[in-house]
Amino acid sequence: MVHTGPVFDIFSGRFGEKDAVWLGAAEGLAAARDAMLRFAAKSPGAYFVFSPDSGTAVAAVDTTLKAAKEKGAA
């Protein structure tokens, strides 16, 4: 496989916390963000995209609150 862009890691959990779990990797920020959002849609919680190049989280989402609100409305 030939990489044409940077590879980003996708994690469940919060950036900087020891219990974050690696879920996979994607080439390009847009693809990594889309994958993160797909994970979040299937299983509510906190997720982030990590850039090994910069050592920082470059995208994050937390769907925990949204899922709790939807359950309360049902």
PDB file of N, CA and C in Angstrom:
ATOM      1  N   MET A   1       0.846  -1.186   0.000  1.00  0.00           N
ATOM      2  CA  MET A   1       0.000   0.000   0.000  1.00  0.00           C
ATOM      3  C   MET A   1       0.890   1.248   0.000  1.00  0.00           C
ATOM      4  N   VAL A   2       0.636   2.159  -0.905  1.00  0.00           N
ATOM      5  CA  VAL A   2       1.401   3.390  -1.009  1.00  0.00           C
ATOM      6  C   VAL A   2       0.590   4.509  -0.375  1.00  0.00           C
ATOM      7  N   HIS A   3       1.199   5.189   0.579  1.00  0.00           N
ATOM      8  CA  HIS A   3       0.520   6.305   1.247  1.00  0.00           C
ATOM      9  C   HIS A   3       0.784   7.591   0.476  1.00  0.00           C
ATOM     10  N   THR A   4      -0.269   8.345   0.251  1.00  0.00           N
ATOM     11  CA  THR A   4      -0.118   9.612  -0.447  1.00  0.00           C
ATOM     12  C   THR A   4      -0.337  10.795   0.477  1.00  0.00           C
ATOM     13  N   GLY A   5      -0.748  10.537   1.707  1.00  0.00           N
ATOM     14  CA  GLY A   5      -0.984  11.609   2.659  1.00  0.00           C
ATOM     15  C   GLY A   5      -0.679  11.140   4.063  1.00  0.00           C
ATOM     16  N   PRO A   6      -0.787  12.035   5.029  1.00  0.00           N
ATOM     17  CA  PRO A   6      -0.500  11.664   6.407  1.00  0.00           C
ATOM     18  C   PRO A   6      -1.523  10.652   6.936  1.00  0.00           C
ATOM     19  N   VAL A   7      -1.056   9.800   7.827  1.00  0.00           N
ATOM     20  CA  VAL A   7      -1.926   8.804   8.452  1.00  0.00           C
ATOM     21  C   VAL A   7      -2.278   9.284   9.854  1.00  0.00           C
ATOM     22  N   PHE A   8      -3.551   9.167  10.209  1.00  0.00           N
ATOM     23  CA  PHE A   8      -4.047   9.593  11.510  1.00  0.00           C
ATOM     24  C   PHE A   8      -4.619   8.391  12.251  1.00  0.00           C
ATOM     25  N   ASP A   9      -4.433   8.362  13.560  1.00  0.00           N
ATOM     26  CA  ASP A   9      -4.957   7.289  14.406  1.00  0.00           C
ATOM     27  C   ASP A   9      -6.277   7.712  15.018  1.00  0.00           C
ATOM     28  N   ILE A  10      -7.189   6.749  15.141  1.00  0.00           N
ATOM     29  CA  ILE A  10      -8.514   7.001  15.688  1.00  0.00           C
ATOM     30  C   ILE A  10      -8.624   6.243  17.010  1.00  0.00           C
ATOM     31  N   PHE A  11      -9.059   6.949  18.051  1.00  0.00           N
ATOM     32  CA  PHE A  11      -9.161   6.379  19.389  1.00  0.00           C
ATOM     33  C   PHE A  11     -10.547   6.602  19.977  1.00  0.00           C
ATOM     34  N   SER A  12     -10.971   5.677  20.839  1.00  0.00           N
ATOM     35  CA  SER A  12     -12.120   5.942  21.698  1.00  0.00           C
ATOM     36  C   SER A  12     -11.547   6.401  23.031  1.00  0.00           C
ATOM     37  N   GLY A  13     -12.264   7.278  23.693  1.00  0.00           N
ATOM     38  CA  GLY A  13     -11.784   7.861  24.945  1.00  0.00           C
ATOM     39  C   GLY A  13     -11.432   9.315  24.732  1.00  0.00           C
ATOM     40  N   ARG A  14     -10.757   9.868  25.705  1.00  0.00           N
ATOM     41  CA  ARG A  14     -10.365  11.277  25.642  1.00  0.00           C
ATOM     42  C   ARG A  14      -8.851  11.385  25.489  1.00  0.00           C
ATOM     43  N   PHE A  15      -8.428  12.351  24.691  1.00  0.00           N
ATOM     44  CA  PHE A  15      -7.009  12.570  24.458  1.00  0.00           C
ATOM     45  C   PHE A  15      -6.307  12.845  25.788  1.00  0.00           C
ATOM     46  N   GLY A  16      -5.192  12.162  26.003  1.00  0.00           N
ATOM     47  CA  GLY A  16      -4.413  12.367  27.213  1.00  0.00           C
ATOM     48  C   GLY A  16      -4.773  11.436  28.363  1.00  0.00           C
ATOM     49  N   GLU A  17      -5.861  10.688  28.227  1.00  0.00           N
ATOM     50  CA  GLU A  17      -6.251   9.756  29.280  1.00  0.00           C
ATOM     51  C   GLU A  17      -5.678   8.376  28.982  1.00  0.00           C
ATOM     52  N   LYS A  18      -5.281   7.658  30.047  1.00  0.00           N
ATOM     53  CA  LYS A  18      -4.625   6.356  29.892  1.00  0.00           C
ATOM     54  C   LYS A  18      -5.543   5.283  29.328  1.00  0.00           C
ATOM     55  N   ASP A  19      -6.843   5.440  29.486  1.00  0.00           N
ATOM     56  CA  ASP A  19      -7.760   4.382  29.051  1.00  0.00           C
ATOM     57  C   ASP A  19      -8.243   4.536  27.610  1.00  0.00           C
ATOM     58  N   ALA A  20      -7.657   5.461  26.847  1.00  0.00           N
ATOM     59  CA  ALA A  20      -8.021   5.605  25.435  1.00  0.00           C
ATOM     60  C   ALA A  20      -7.642   4.319  24.697  1.00  0.00           C
ATOM     61  N   VAL A  21      -8.512   3.912  23.759  1.00  0.00           N
ATOM     62  CA  VAL A  21      -8.317   2.658  23.027  1.00  0.00           C
ATOM     63  C   VAL A  21      -8.166   2.959  21.535  1.00  0.00           C
ATOM     64  N   TRP A  22      -7.079   2.439  20.956  1.00  0.00           N
ATOM     65  CA  TRP A  22      -6.841   2.621  19.524  1.00  0.00           C
ATOM     66  C   TRP A  22      -7.842   1.790  18.737  1.00  0.00           C
ATOM     67  N   LEU A  23      -8.522   2.417  17.775  1.00  0.00           N
ATOM     68  CA  LEU A  23      -9.531   1.731  16.969  1.00  0.00           C
ATOM     69  C   LEU A  23      -9.070   1.461  15.548  1.00  0.00           C
ATOM     70  N   GLY A  24      -8.123   2.232  15.077  1.00  0.00           N
ATOM     71  CA  GLY A  24      -7.655   2.059  13.714  1.00  0.00           C
ATOM     72  C   GLY A  24      -6.953   3.308  13.225  1.00  0.00           C
ATOM     73  N   ALA A  25      -6.641   3.303  11.949  1.00  0.00           N
ATOM     74  CA  ALA A  25      -5.957   4.434  11.335  1.00  0.00           C
ATOM     75  C   ALA A  25      -6.583   4.713   9.985  1.00  0.00           C
ATOM     76  N   ALA A  26      -6.414   5.928   9.521  1.00  0.00           N
ATOM     77  CA  ALA A  26      -6.941   6.319   8.212  1.00  0.00           C
ATOM     78  C   ALA A  26      -5.969   7.291   7.569  1.00  0.00           C
ATOM     79  N   GLU A  27      -5.915   7.230   6.258  1.00  0.00           N
ATOM     80  CA  GLU A  27      -5.069   8.146   5.513  1.00  0.00           C
ATOM     81  C   GLU A  27      -5.840   9.426   5.232  1.00  0.00           C
ATOM     82  N   GLY A  28      -5.291  10.528   5.658  1.00  0.00           N
ATOM     83  CA  GLY A  28      -5.920  11.825   5.449  1.00  0.00           C
ATOM     84  C   GLY A  28      -6.848  12.192   6.587  1.00  0.00           C
ATOM     85  N   LEU A  29      -6.871  13.469   6.922  1.00  0.00           N
ATOM     86  CA  LEU A  29      -7.684  13.941   8.043  1.00  0.00           C
ATOM     87  C   LEU A  29      -9.174  13.768   7.789  1.00  0.00           C
ATOM     88  N   ALA A  30      -9.629  14.031   6.594  1.00  0.00           N
ATOM     89  CA  ALA A  30     -11.065  13.902   6.293  1.00  0.00           C
ATOM     90  C   ALA A  30     -11.523  12.456   6.483  1.00  0.00           C
ATOM     91  N   ALA A  31     -10.751  11.501   6.003  1.00  0.00           N
ATOM     92  CA  ALA A  31     -11.115  10.086   6.148  1.00  0.00           C
ATOM     93  C   ALA A  31     -11.089   9.669   7.609  1.00  0.00           C
ATOM     94  N   ALA A  32     -10.103  10.152   8.363  1.00  0.00           N
ATOM     95  CA  ALA A  32     -10.009   9.810   9.785  1.00  0.00           C
ATOM     96  C   ALA A  32     -11.186  10.404  10.560  1.00  0.00           C
ATOM     97  N   ARG A  33     -11.539  11.636  10.244  1.00  0.00           N
ATOM     98  CA  ARG A  33     -12.677  12.275  10.928  1.00  0.00           C
ATOM     99  C   ARG A  33     -13.973  11.538  10.598  1.00  0.00           C
ATOM    100  N   ASP A  34     -14.160  11.162   9.352  1.00  0.00           N
ATOM    101  CA  ASP A  34     -15.357  10.415   8.961  1.00  0.00           C
ATOM    102  C   ASP A  34     -15.430   9.079   9.691  1.00  0.00           C
ATOM    103  N   ALA A  35     -14.297   8.381   9.793  1.00  0.00           N
ATOM    104  CA  ALA A  35     -14.268   7.104  10.500  1.00  0.00           C
ATOM    105  C   ALA A  35     -14.598   7.303  11.978  1.00  0.00           C
ATOM    106  N   MET A  36     -14.049   8.349  12.593  1.00  0.00           N
ATOM    107  CA  MET A  36     -14.341   8.657  13.991  1.00  0.00           C
ATOM    108  C   MET A  36     -15.842   8.872  14.188  1.00  0.00           C
ATOM    109  N   LEU A  37     -16.457   9.615  13.286  1.00  0.00           N
ATOM    110  CA  LEU A  37     -17.894   9.893  13.396  1.00  0.00           C
ATOM    111  C   LEU A  37     -18.728   8.629  13.195  1.00  0.00           C
ATOM    112  N   ARG A  38     -18.271   7.717  12.355  1.00  0.00           N
ATOM    113  CA  ARG A  38     -18.978   6.436  12.185  1.00  0.00           C
ATOM    114  C   ARG A  38     -18.911   5.615  13.469  1.00  0.00           C
ATOM    115  N   PHE A  39     -17.736   5.572  14.101  1.00  0.00           N
ATOM    116  CA  PHE A  39     -17.617   4.875  15.384  1.00  0.00           C
ATOM    117  C   PHE A  39     -18.562   5.492  16.413  1.00  0.00           C
ATOM    118  N   ALA A  40     -18.588   6.818  16.474  1.00  0.00           N
ATOM    119  CA  ALA A  40     -19.417   7.525  17.453  1.00  0.00           C
ATOM    120  C   ALA A  40     -20.905   7.296  17.204  1.00  0.00           C
ATOM    121  N   ALA A  41     -21.291   7.139  15.947  1.00  0.00           N
ATOM    122  CA  ALA A  41     -22.700   6.898  15.622  1.00  0.00           C
ATOM    123  C   ALA A  41     -23.128   5.492  16.049  1.00  0.00           C
ATOM    124  N   LYS A  42     -22.212   4.537  15.983  1.00  0.00           N
ATOM    125  CA  LYS A  42     -22.525   3.162  16.364  1.00  0.00           C
ATOM    126  C   LYS A  42     -22.531   2.965  17.870  1.00  0.00           C
ATOM    127  N   SER A  43     -21.628   3.636  18.556  1.00  0.00           N
ATOM    128  CA  SER A  43     -21.490   3.467  19.998  1.00  0.00           C
ATOM    129  C   SER A  43     -21.175   4.820  20.622  1.00  0.00           C
ATOM    130  N   PRO A  44     -22.171   5.475  21.230  1.00  0.00           N
ATOM    131  CA  PRO A  44     -21.949   6.809  21.795  1.00  0.00           C
ATOM    132  C   PRO A  44     -20.783   6.832  22.785  1.00  0.00           C
ATOM    133  N   GLY A  45     -20.067   7.926  22.762  1.00  0.00           N
ATOM    134  CA  GLY A  45     -18.944   8.112  23.663  1.00  0.00           C
ATOM    135  C   GLY A  45     -18.008   9.175  23.132  1.00  0.00           C
ATOM    136  N   ALA A  46     -16.829   9.246  23.743  1.00  0.00           N
ATOM    137  CA  ALA A  46     -15.813  10.211  23.338  1.00  0.00           C
ATOM    138  C   ALA A  46     -14.838   9.531  22.388  1.00  0.00           C
ATOM    139  N   TYR A  47     -14.451  10.252  21.341  1.00  0.00           N
ATOM    140  CA  TYR A  47     -13.517   9.754  20.338  1.00  0.00           C
ATOM    141  C   TYR A  47     -12.611  10.905  19.912  1.00  0.00           C
ATOM    142  N   PHE A  48     -11.413  10.552  19.443  1.00  0.00           N
ATOM    143  CA  PHE A  48     -10.540  11.589  18.906  1.00  0.00           C
ATOM    144  C   PHE A  48      -9.646  11.026  17.816  1.00  0.00           C
ATOM    145  N   VAL A  49      -9.170  11.939  16.980  1.00  0.00           N
ATOM    146  CA  VAL A  49      -8.218  11.621  15.912  1.00  0.00           C
ATOM    147  C   VAL A  49      -6.883  12.205  16.339  1.00  0.00           C
ATOM    148  N   PHE A  50      -5.857  11.370  16.293  1.00  0.00           N
ATOM    149  CA  PHE A  50      -4.518  11.750  16.739  1.00  0.00           C
ATOM    150  C   PHE A  50      -3.569  11.836  15.554  1.00  0.00           C
ATOM    151  N   SER A  51      -2.777  12.890  15.542  1.00  0.00           N
ATOM    152  CA  SER A  51      -1.748  13.050  14.508  1.00  0.00           C
ATOM    153  C   SER A  51      -0.399  12.650  15.088  1.00  0.00           C
ATOM    154  N   PRO A  52       0.172  11.526  14.635  1.00  0.00           N
ATOM    155  CA  PRO A  52       1.500  11.149  15.118  1.00  0.00           C
ATOM    156  C   PRO A  52       2.567  12.182  14.732  1.00  0.00           C
ATOM    157  N   ASP A  53       2.351  12.877  13.631  1.00  0.00           N
ATOM    158  CA  ASP A  53       3.318  13.878  13.181  1.00  0.00           C
ATOM    159  C   ASP A  53       3.432  15.045  14.161  1.00  0.00           C
ATOM    160  N   SER A  54       2.283  15.526  14.672  1.00  0.00           N
ATOM    161  CA  SER A  54       2.307  16.677  15.575  1.00  0.00           C
ATOM    162  C   SER A  54       2.203  16.270  17.046  1.00  0.00           C
ATOM    163  N   GLY A  55       1.774  15.031  17.307  1.00  0.00           N
ATOM    164  CA  GLY A  55       1.615  14.576  18.686  1.00  0.00           C
ATOM    165  C   GLY A  55       0.406  15.167  19.386  1.00  0.00           C
ATOM    166  N   THR A  56      -0.582  15.582  18.595  1.00  0.00           N
ATOM    167  CA  THR A  56      -1.773  16.205  19.176  1.00  0.00           C
ATOM    168  C   THR A  56      -3.047  15.582  18.612  1.00  0.00           C
ATOM    169  N   ALA A  57      -4.142  15.824  19.321  1.00  0.00           N
ATOM    170  CA  ALA A  57      -5.461  15.464  18.816  1.00  0.00           C
ATOM    171  C   ALA A  57      -5.875  16.558  17.841  1.00  0.00           C
ATOM    172  N   VAL A  58      -6.301  16.158  16.654  1.00  0.00           N
ATOM    173  CA  VAL A  58      -6.656  17.139  15.626  1.00  0.00           C
ATOM    174  C   VAL A  58      -8.151  17.193  15.363  1.00  0.00           C
ATOM    175  N   ALA A  59      -8.902  16.275  15.973  1.00  0.00           N
ATOM    176  CA  ALA A  59     -10.364  16.281  15.884  1.00  0.00           C
ATOM    177  C   ALA A  59     -10.886  15.462  17.057  1.00  0.00           C
ATOM    178  N   ALA A  60     -12.072  15.816  17.535  1.00  0.00           N
ATOM    179  CA  ALA A  60     -12.671  15.077  18.648  1.00  0.00           C
ATOM    180  C   ALA A  60     -14.178  15.244  18.613  1.00  0.00           C
ATOM    181  N   VAL A  61     -14.860  14.254  19.191  1.00  0.00           N
ATOM    182  CA  VAL A  61     -16.309  14.318  19.309  1.00  0.00           C
ATOM    183  C   VAL A  61     -16.705  13.538  20.567  1.00  0.00           C
ATOM    184  N   ASP A  62     -17.756  13.984  21.220  1.00  0.00           N
ATOM    185  CA  ASP A  62     -18.293  13.245  22.362  1.00  0.00           C
ATOM    186  C   ASP A  62     -19.799  13.181  22.187  1.00  0.00           C
ATOM    187  N   THR A  63     -20.288  11.987  21.884  1.00  0.00           N
ATOM    188  CA  THR A  63     -21.723  11.799  21.651  1.00  0.00           C
ATOM    189  C   THR A  63     -22.429  11.247  22.883  1.00  0.00           C
ATOM    190  N   THR A  64     -21.740  11.170  24.012  1.00  0.00           N
ATOM    191  CA  THR A  64     -22.325  10.644  25.241  1.00  0.00           C
ATOM    192  C   THR A  64     -23.529  11.471  25.673  1.00  0.00           C
ATOM    193  N   LEU A  65     -23.398  12.764  25.745  1.00  0.00           N
ATOM    194  CA  LEU A  65     -24.476  13.640  26.197  1.00  0.00           C
ATOM    195  C   LEU A  65     -25.665  13.577  25.253  1.00  0.00           C
ATOM    196  N   LYS A  66     -25.411  13.565  23.957  1.00  0.00           N
ATOM    197  CA  LYS A  66     -26.485  13.499  22.967  1.00  0.00           C
ATOM    198  C   LYS A  66     -27.294  12.210  23.143  1.00  0.00           C
ATOM    199  N   ALA A  67     -26.621  11.096  23.345  1.00  0.00           N
ATOM    200  CA  ALA A  67     -27.317   9.807  23.518  1.00  0.00           C
ATOM    201  C   ALA A  67     -28.140   9.816  24.798  1.00  0.00           C
ATOM    202  N   ALA A  68     -27.598  10.408  25.858  1.00  0.00           N
ATOM    203  CA  ALA A  68     -28.334  10.459  27.127  1.00  0.00           C
ATOM    204  C   ALA A  68     -29.582  11.330  26.982  1.00  0.00           C
ATOM    205  N   LYS A  69     -29.491  12.437  26.270  1.00  0.00           N
ATOM    206  CA  LYS A  69     -30.649  13.316  26.066  1.00  0.00           C
ATOM    207  C   LYS A  69     -31.730  12.602  25.248  1.00  0.00           C
ATOM    208  N   GLU A  70     -31.306  11.859  24.209  1.00  0.00           N
ATOM    209  CA  GLU A  70     -32.270  11.145  23.374  1.00  0.00           C
ATOM    210  C   GLU A  70     -32.973  10.058  24.165  1.00  0.00           C
ATOM    211  N   LYS A  71     -32.277   9.369  25.052  1.00  0.00           N
ATOM    212  CA  LYS A  71     -32.900   8.339  25.892  1.00  0.00           C
ATOM    213  C   LYS A  71     -33.927   8.965  26.822  1.00  0.00           C
ATOM    214  N   GLY A  72     -33.592  10.123  27.380  1.00  0.00           N
ATOM    215  CA  GLY A  72     -34.497  10.813  28.289  1.00  0.00           C
ATOM    216  C   GLY A  72     -35.751  11.310  27.618  1.00  0.00           C
ATOM    217  N   ALA A  73     -35.654  11.591  26.327  1.00  0.00           N
ATOM    218  CA  ALA A  73     -36.810  12.097  25.578  1.00  0.00           C
ATOM    219  C   ALA A  73     -37.745  10.972  25.143  1.00  0.00           C
ATOM    220  N   ALA A  74     -37.261   9.745  25.158  1.00  0.00           N
ATOM    221  CA  ALA A  74     -38.083   8.626  24.683  1.00  0.00           C
ATOM    222  C   ALA A  74     -39.122   8.212  25.688  1.00  0.00           C
TER     223      ALA A  74
END
